[in-house]
Amino acid sequence: MQRLYFFCYHKVATALCANIAGKIAALFGWQADYLPGLINGVDASKQIITFAHSLIEFDLSTIPHKGVRLIRDPRDVWLSGYLYHQHCRERWCTNETLDLTPPILFPRVPYSQQHRSEEWKRDYLVGLNGLSYQRNLLSRDRDSGLEFEMNRYADWTIQAMLAWKHDPSTIDVKIEDLMADFDGTLTLIFRHFGIPEVDIPLALAAAASEDIGRMSDAQIAANPNIYSRSISKWRSMLTPTQIERFQSRYGEAIERLGYALLSVARSPPGGSS
């Protein structure tokens, strides 16, 4: 069979797709794999693979496959990363070993940045000012913390989404669409994957427990990857000034990825803010 690939990004459905892939693999007797960071090749014996950061250094056309790339509104990538990195237990985020001895590898840097030059990684560690990434966020107020996040993981993820090289065997799916209509969007994904129509209800049933809409409040509270039932929070949690600052920097990226810019109302001169 042709291989099935989920292409994801940090805070863009990575855990969700890995869980779905694992359940679909168990259902059909396949082998699943999860690959973080820059990938130079794959084990062709694995039928379904989740690429955690969609950093692909090999020719995808050499392995017959069907792929789905998950994308997300950059404003939510930014906010979701900021909220998640304040409490997650990912080793790179809590790492306090900041020595500059080469080679600088995970967990001193995230897997997604391990391929960078040693100079880049040294600059990253120096920029942490003796604190872990997480403690940098916790020691700042929200505006300063968001700025820190924007200049680091949000920027890395947005640049990775923009750098994606077109693959004729891969379709883009917005995570917002998947969350709004889990079964409907997943059906489209399974059809693209070539799963027989007769098996799609079984695949949907296997993946149903990953649907936020079906989860209890207790299940959501216990899941470190989920902040709330709402997949998009930037409109309610970011100030107009923060939105304007982000859009002035990433407006083109927002539109290229298929999202609309928000017209931010300004206070009149001399008016109250």
Protein backbone atom coordinates (compact mmCIF):
# COMPACT_ATOMS: atom_id res chain seq x y z
CA MET A 1 0.00 0.00 0.00
CA GLN A 2 1.05 3.61 -0.38
CA ARG A 3 2.22 5.29 2.80
CA LEU A 4 0.03 7.72 4.73
CA TYR A 5 1.66 10.87 6.11
CA PHE A 6 0.44 13.48 8.60
CA PHE A 7 2.52 16.66 8.30
CA CYS A 8 2.21 18.80 11.42
CA TYR A 9 3.91 21.62 13.32
CA HIS A 10 4.43 22.42 16.99
CA LYS A 11 0.99 23.37 18.39
CA VAL A 12 -0.58 22.47 15.05
CA ALA A 13 -2.25 19.10 15.70
CA THR A 14 0.95 17.12 16.28
CA ALA A 15 -0.33 15.19 19.31
CA LEU A 16 -3.79 14.87 17.76
CA CYS A 17 -2.52 13.40 14.49
CA ALA A 18 -0.08 11.09 16.26
CA ASN A 19 -2.94 9.74 18.38
CA ILE A 20 -5.22 9.30 15.38
CA ALA A 21 -2.43 7.60 13.44
CA GLY A 22 -1.82 5.21 16.31
CA LYS A 23 -5.46 4.25 16.56
CA ILE A 24 -5.88 3.81 12.82
CA ALA A 25 -2.73 1.69 12.73
CA ALA A 26 -4.05 -0.53 15.53
CA LEU A 27 -7.38 -0.89 13.73
CA PHE A 28 -5.87 -2.02 10.44
CA GLY A 29 -2.79 -3.83 11.75
CA TRP A 30 -0.37 -1.21 10.44
CA GLN A 31 2.82 0.18 11.95
CA ALA A 32 2.87 3.85 12.90
CA ASP A 33 5.84 6.15 13.42
CA TYR A 34 6.40 9.63 14.87
CA LEU A 35 9.32 11.69 13.58
CA PRO A 36 10.40 14.99 15.20
CA GLY A 37 12.80 17.56 13.80
CA LEU A 38 14.46 17.61 10.38
CA ILE A 39 13.87 14.31 8.58
CA ASN A 40 16.33 13.00 5.98
CA GLY A 41 14.55 9.73 5.27
CA VAL A 42 11.89 7.35 6.53
CA ASP A 43 11.43 3.69 7.26
CA ALA A 44 9.32 2.64 4.29
CA SER A 45 7.97 -0.31 6.29
CA LYS A 46 5.88 2.10 8.41
CA GLN A 47 2.44 2.49 6.88
CA ILE A 48 1.47 5.74 8.65
CA ILE A 49 3.84 8.45 9.85
CA THR A 50 3.35 11.70 11.76
CA PHE A 51 5.99 14.32 10.95
CA ALA A 52 5.99 16.52 14.04
CA HIS A 53 7.52 19.60 12.40
CA SER A 54 7.14 19.03 8.63
CA LEU A 55 10.85 19.63 8.07
CA ILE A 56 11.49 17.35 5.11
CA GLU A 57 14.97 16.90 3.62
CA PHE A 58 14.28 13.91 1.37
CA ASP A 59 12.39 13.64 -1.91
CA LEU A 60 8.83 12.74 -0.98
CA SER A 61 8.19 11.45 -4.50
CA THR A 62 10.56 8.51 -3.90
CA ILE A 63 7.95 6.81 -1.70
CA PRO A 64 4.36 6.48 -2.98
CA HIS A 65 2.20 8.20 -0.38
CA LYS A 66 -0.82 10.27 0.41
CA GLY A 67 -0.29 13.17 2.79
CA VAL A 68 -2.27 15.67 4.82
CA ARG A 69 -0.62 18.85 6.07
CA LEU A 70 -2.26 20.53 9.04
CA ILE A 71 -2.10 24.32 9.18
CA ARG A 72 -3.34 26.83 11.75
CA ASP A 73 -3.97 30.55 12.05
CA PRO A 74 -0.56 32.03 12.97
CA ARG A 75 -2.19 34.20 15.63
CA ASP A 76 -3.35 31.05 17.42
CA VAL A 77 0.01 29.36 16.87
CA TRP A 78 1.50 32.31 18.75
CA LEU A 79 -1.02 32.40 21.59
CA SER A 80 -1.30 28.63 21.97
CA GLY A 81 2.47 28.27 22.17
CA TYR A 82 2.68 31.02 24.78
CA LEU A 83 0.00 29.38 26.96
CA TYR A 84 1.35 25.84 26.53
CA HIS A 85 5.00 26.66 27.16
CA GLN A 86 4.19 28.11 30.58
CA HIS A 87 3.19 24.72 31.97
CA CYS A 88 4.34 21.94 29.61
CA ARG A 89 6.92 19.38 30.71
CA GLU A 90 8.74 19.12 27.39
CA ARG A 91 12.42 18.75 28.24
CA TRP A 92 13.69 21.47 25.90
CA CYS A 93 11.23 23.95 27.45
CA THR A 94 12.23 23.25 31.06
CA ASN A 95 15.91 22.63 30.32
CA GLU A 96 18.30 24.68 32.45
CA THR A 97 21.53 23.21 31.09
CA LEU A 98 22.59 26.16 28.98
CA ASP A 99 26.28 25.48 28.41
CA LEU A 100 27.57 26.22 24.92
CA THR A 101 29.67 23.08 24.47
CA PRO A 102 29.19 21.70 20.96
CA PRO A 103 27.41 19.84 19.58
CA ILE A 104 24.34 21.58 20.98
CA LEU A 105 21.54 19.03 20.77
CA PHE A 106 18.15 18.29 22.31
CA PRO A 107 17.17 19.10 25.04
CA ARG A 108 19.32 22.24 25.03
CA VAL A 109 17.42 23.16 21.89
CA PRO A 110 14.07 21.78 20.63
CA TYR A 111 14.15 18.94 18.11
CA SER A 112 12.67 21.35 15.58
CA GLN A 113 15.77 23.55 15.79
CA GLN A 114 18.46 20.91 16.27
CA HIS A 115 19.46 21.14 12.59
CA ARG A 116 20.42 24.81 12.94
CA SER A 117 24.02 25.97 12.89
CA GLU A 118 26.05 25.85 16.10
CA GLU A 119 26.27 29.65 15.96
CA TRP A 120 22.49 29.96 15.81
CA LYS A 121 22.07 27.55 18.70
CA ARG A 122 24.66 29.38 20.81
CA ASP A 123 22.84 32.65 20.20
CA TYR A 124 19.57 30.99 21.20
CA LEU A 125 21.01 29.74 24.49
CA VAL A 126 22.65 33.07 25.28
CA GLY A 127 19.32 34.78 24.57
CA LEU A 128 17.67 32.76 27.34
CA ASN A 129 19.69 34.80 29.85
CA GLY A 130 20.37 31.90 32.19
CA LEU A 131 16.75 30.76 32.44
CA SER A 132 14.82 27.95 30.82
CA TYR A 133 12.43 28.90 28.02
CA GLN A 134 9.57 28.27 30.42
CA ARG A 135 10.99 30.37 33.24
CA ASN A 136 11.55 33.18 30.76
CA LEU A 137 7.81 33.21 30.10
CA LEU A 138 6.80 32.85 33.75
CA SER A 139 9.06 35.69 34.83
CA ARG A 140 7.46 38.18 32.43
CA ASP A 141 4.10 39.89 32.21
CA ARG A 142 1.79 38.75 29.42
CA ASP A 143 2.80 41.40 26.90
CA SER A 144 6.50 40.78 27.39
CA GLY A 145 5.98 37.02 27.42
CA LEU A 146 4.06 37.15 24.16
CA GLU A 147 6.88 39.16 22.64
CA PHE A 148 9.39 36.54 23.80
CA GLU A 149 7.24 33.77 22.27
CA MET A 150 6.72 35.67 19.02
CA ASN A 151 10.46 36.07 18.52
CA ARG A 152 11.10 32.37 19.08
CA TYR A 153 8.77 29.40 18.68
CA ALA A 154 5.95 31.29 16.98
CA ASP A 155 8.38 32.65 14.41
CA TRP A 156 10.03 29.26 13.87
CA THR A 157 6.67 27.60 13.26
CA ILE A 158 5.34 30.30 10.95
CA GLN A 159 8.53 30.24 8.89
CA ALA A 160 8.31 26.44 8.67
CA MET A 161 4.69 26.60 7.47
CA LEU A 162 5.68 29.12 4.80
CA ALA A 163 8.73 27.09 3.72
CA TRP A 164 6.65 24.00 2.91
CA LYS A 165 7.44 22.70 -0.58
CA HIS A 166 4.38 21.78 -2.60
CA ASP A 167 3.74 18.04 -2.73
CA PRO A 168 1.12 16.96 -5.28
CA SER A 169 0.18 13.98 -3.10
CA THR A 170 -0.54 16.13 -0.05
CA ILE A 171 -3.55 18.29 0.75
CA ASP A 172 -3.77 21.11 3.29
CA VAL A 173 -6.34 20.92 6.08
CA LYS A 174 -6.97 23.72 8.56
CA ILE A 175 -7.04 22.54 12.15
CA GLU A 176 -9.97 24.92 12.69
CA ASP A 177 -12.01 22.93 10.14
CA LEU A 178 -11.08 19.64 11.78
CA MET A 179 -12.17 20.86 15.20
CA ALA A 180 -15.41 22.40 13.88
CA ASP A 181 -16.46 19.23 12.01
CA PHE A 182 -14.34 16.38 13.31
CA ASP A 183 -16.09 13.50 11.57
CA GLY A 184 -16.71 15.38 8.32
CA THR A 185 -13.15 16.64 7.95
CA LEU A 186 -11.66 13.33 9.05
CA THR A 187 -13.81 11.58 6.44
CA LEU A 188 -12.26 13.82 3.77
CA ILE A 189 -8.80 12.95 5.12
CA PHE A 190 -9.50 9.22 5.15
CA ARG A 191 -10.85 9.37 1.60
CA HIS A 192 -7.73 11.21 0.49
CA PHE A 193 -5.67 8.52 2.20
CA GLY A 194 -7.52 5.94 0.11
CA ILE A 195 -9.16 4.13 3.01
CA PRO A 196 -12.07 2.13 1.53
CA GLU A 197 -15.52 3.64 2.11
CA VAL A 198 -16.66 0.53 3.95
CA ASP A 199 -13.83 1.00 6.49
CA ILE A 200 -14.25 4.74 7.07
CA PRO A 201 -16.97 4.36 9.77
CA LEU A 202 -14.63 2.01 11.64
CA ALA A 203 -11.78 4.50 11.34
CA LEU A 204 -14.01 7.34 12.54
CA ALA A 205 -15.10 5.29 15.53
CA ALA A 206 -11.47 4.49 16.38
CA ALA A 207 -10.54 8.20 16.26
CA ALA A 208 -13.67 9.53 18.00
CA SER A 209 -12.06 9.77 21.43
CA GLU A 210 -9.67 12.42 20.04
CA ASP A 211 -12.56 14.79 19.27
CA ILE A 212 -12.61 17.70 21.72
CA GLY A 213 -16.35 17.97 21.22
CA ARG A 214 -16.80 14.48 22.65
CA MET A 215 -14.45 14.94 25.59
CA SER A 216 -15.65 15.59 29.11
CA ASP A 217 -14.47 18.62 31.05
CA ALA A 218 -12.31 16.32 33.16
CA GLN A 219 -10.66 14.82 30.08
CA ILE A 220 -9.87 18.25 28.70
CA ALA A 221 -8.47 19.43 32.03
CA ALA A 222 -6.21 16.36 32.18
CA ASN A 223 -4.83 16.84 28.66
CA PRO A 224 -1.72 19.08 28.71
CA ASN A 225 -2.07 19.80 24.99
CA ILE A 226 -5.55 21.32 25.31
CA TYR A 227 -6.14 24.71 26.91
CA SER A 228 -9.89 24.92 26.29
CA ARG A 229 -12.62 23.62 24.01
CA SER A 230 -12.12 26.61 21.74
CA ILE A 231 -9.38 25.99 19.16
CA SER A 232 -9.19 29.70 18.31
CA LYS A 233 -8.68 32.08 21.22
CA TRP A 234 -6.69 34.98 19.82
CA ARG A 235 -9.69 37.26 19.25
CA SER A 236 -10.75 37.08 22.90
CA MET A 237 -7.36 36.80 24.62
CA LEU A 238 -5.15 39.24 22.70
CA THR A 239 -5.42 43.00 22.99
CA PRO A 240 -5.91 45.17 19.89
CA THR A 241 -2.34 46.42 20.29
CA GLN A 242 -0.95 42.88 20.45
CA ILE A 243 -2.97 41.82 17.40
CA GLU A 244 -1.84 44.87 15.46
CA ARG A 245 1.79 44.29 16.37
CA PHE A 246 1.62 40.65 15.28
CA GLN A 247 -0.26 41.38 12.07
CA SER A 248 2.16 44.13 11.10
CA ARG A 249 4.93 41.53 11.21
CA TYR A 250 3.11 38.45 9.92
CA GLY A 251 0.22 39.85 7.90
CA GLU A 252 1.49 38.39 4.64
CA ALA A 253 1.99 34.99 6.27
CA ILE A 254 -1.52 35.04 7.73
CA GLU A 255 -3.03 35.70 4.30
CA ARG A 256 -0.78 33.22 2.46
CA LEU A 257 -1.97 30.50 4.80
CA GLY A 258 -5.59 31.33 3.99
CA TYR A 259 -6.67 33.44 6.96
CA ALA A 260 -8.11 36.96 7.02
CA LEU A 261 -6.49 39.92 8.71
CA LEU A 262 -8.46 41.65 11.44
CA SER A 263 -9.06 45.35 11.09
CA VAL A 264 -7.97 46.69 14.46
CA ALA A 265 -9.85 49.77 15.64
CA ARG A 266 -7.66 52.58 16.86
CA SER A 267 -8.58 55.05 19.56
CA PRO A 268 -8.93 58.63 18.25
CA PRO A 269 -6.19 61.10 19.19
CA GLY A 270 -6.73 62.20 22.76
CA GLY A 271 -9.41 59.54 23.29
CA SER A 272 -9.43 56.91 25.97
CA SER A 273 -7.84 53.57 25.19
